[in-house]
Amino acid sequence: MTIRFCKKCKTLMKPQEKDGEVFLKCSKCGFESKADLTSSEKIKPEEELGTGVADKGNIFATYKSKCKKCEHVGAEINDLGVQYSDEDNLFLIKCGKCGHSERIGDAS
C-alpha cells in the first residue's frame, strides 16, 4: 500500500479496519476511501502508550539510602551541578518508592 493524502485537506490518511474491510480515513476532516492492499501487506495494530518500563518502578534507585519519610532503602541520585564556580556540587537523593527528595552536599 502506498501513502495516500486526503483529497480535501491534504492530510496523511491512516489505514483502519471496519467489518473486515480496510479503508483509509483522514484524521483531520474524516474523509474515507477504500484502501488498495496487496495480499502480502497487513495492518499492524497501534501500540498503546503508557505501558512498559514505567510500570516497573524506579529502575535508577540503586543507591543504598534510607528514606526519612517511608524508610525504604533504595534511592536515585541526581547531580544538579554547581551554579557558581565557588560552590560545591548539589545532589538530590530521591526515594525509589515514595519519591521523597532531599538535598545533600550543600553547606546550608
Protein backbone atom coordinates (compact mmCIF):
# COMPACT_ATOMS: atom_id res chain seq x y z
CA MET A 1 0.00 0.00 0.00
CA THR A 2 1.32 3.42 -0.83
CA ILE A 3 0.99 6.54 1.26
CA ARG A 4 -2.20 8.45 0.49
CA PHE A 5 -3.19 12.01 1.30
CA CYS A 6 -6.69 13.37 1.78
CA LYS A 7 -8.19 14.91 -1.36
CA LYS A 8 -9.98 17.58 0.70
CA CYS A 9 -7.41 18.83 3.23
CA LYS A 10 -4.13 17.19 2.05
CA THR A 11 -3.56 15.44 5.42
CA LEU A 12 -1.97 11.98 5.67
CA MET A 13 -4.65 9.27 5.73
CA LYS A 14 -4.33 6.39 8.19
CA PRO A 15 -5.46 2.82 7.46
CA GLN A 16 -8.28 1.44 9.59
CA GLU A 17 -10.24 -1.80 9.59
CA LYS A 18 -14.01 -1.99 9.94
CA ASP A 19 -16.19 -5.07 9.35
CA GLY A 20 -13.28 -6.97 7.79
CA GLU A 21 -12.62 -4.26 5.17
CA VAL A 22 -9.63 -1.95 5.14
CA PHE A 23 -10.11 1.70 4.32
CA LEU A 24 -8.17 4.95 4.68
CA LYS A 25 -9.51 7.70 6.93
CA CYS A 26 -8.37 11.30 7.31
CA SER A 27 -7.82 12.15 10.97
CA LYS A 28 -8.44 15.86 10.33
CA CYS A 29 -11.65 16.05 8.25
CA GLY A 30 -12.91 12.44 8.41
CA PHE A 31 -12.84 11.74 4.64
CA GLU A 32 -12.76 7.99 3.88
CA SER A 33 -11.68 6.00 0.84
CA LYS A 34 -11.17 2.32 0.11
CA ALA A 35 -7.59 1.07 0.53
CA ASP A 36 -5.74 -0.85 -2.16
CA LEU A 37 -3.95 -3.69 -0.36
CA THR A 38 -1.94 -6.49 -1.84
CA SER A 39 -2.09 -9.93 -0.20
CA SER A 40 1.34 -9.54 1.43
CA GLU A 41 0.51 -6.32 3.27
CA LYS A 42 -1.07 -6.31 6.68
CA ILE A 43 -2.04 -3.54 9.04
CA LYS A 44 -0.20 -3.58 12.34
CA PRO A 45 -2.19 -2.54 15.40
CA GLU A 46 -1.07 0.67 17.08
CA GLU A 47 0.79 0.23 20.36
CA GLU A 48 -0.77 1.63 23.49
CA LEU A 49 1.16 4.43 25.12
CA GLY A 50 1.97 4.45 28.79
CA THR A 51 2.96 0.82 29.23
CA GLY A 52 6.44 -0.61 29.59
CA VAL A 53 9.36 0.37 31.78
CA ALA A 54 7.33 2.93 33.76
CA ASP A 55 5.32 0.12 35.36
CA LYS A 56 8.42 -1.48 36.87
CA GLY A 57 9.08 1.21 39.46
CA ASN A 58 12.17 3.40 39.63
CA ILE A 59 14.91 1.38 37.93
CA PHE A 60 17.53 4.02 38.80
CA ALA A 61 17.02 3.72 42.59
CA THR A 62 20.14 1.66 43.23
CA TYR A 63 21.87 3.82 45.87
CA LYS A 64 21.50 2.37 49.37
CA SER A 65 20.00 5.18 51.39
CA LYS A 66 17.15 5.01 53.90
CA CYS A 67 14.23 7.34 53.18
CA LYS A 68 13.26 9.65 56.05
CA LYS A 69 9.60 9.53 55.06
CA CYS A 70 8.80 5.85 54.31
CA GLU A 71 12.08 4.16 55.46
CA HIS A 72 12.54 2.41 52.09
CA VAL A 73 16.15 1.50 51.30
CA GLY A 74 16.96 2.44 47.72
CA ALA A 75 17.31 5.88 46.17
CA GLU A 76 18.17 7.63 42.93
CA ILE A 77 20.92 10.26 42.95
CA ASN A 78 20.67 13.36 40.76
CA ASP A 79 23.64 15.70 40.40
CA LEU A 80 22.43 19.28 39.97
CA GLY A 81 25.97 20.54 39.45
CA VAL A 82 27.22 23.93 40.52
CA GLN A 83 25.61 27.28 39.87
CA TYR A 84 28.68 29.37 40.68
CA SER A 85 32.32 28.38 40.49
CA ASP A 86 32.97 28.73 44.23
CA GLU A 87 30.15 26.33 45.29
CA ASP A 88 30.16 22.61 45.93
CA ASN A 89 28.10 20.26 43.83
CA LEU A 90 24.47 19.84 44.87
CA PHE A 91 22.96 16.36 44.92
CA LEU A 92 19.34 15.26 45.28
CA ILE A 93 18.50 11.84 46.69
CA LYS A 94 15.06 10.68 45.53
CA CYS A 95 13.38 7.72 47.20
CA GLY A 96 12.68 4.82 44.83
CA LYS A 97 9.33 4.05 46.49
CA CYS A 98 7.56 7.27 47.53
CA GLY A 99 9.56 9.84 45.53
CA HIS A 100 10.54 11.95 48.57
CA SER A 101 13.63 14.07 47.76
CA GLU A 102 16.26 15.57 50.00
CA ARG A 103 19.27 17.69 49.26
CA ILE A 104 22.80 16.72 50.20
CA GLY A 105 26.12 18.34 49.58
CA ASP A 106 25.24 21.95 50.37
CA ALA A 107 26.71 23.90 53.27
CA SER A 108 23.42 25.38 54.44
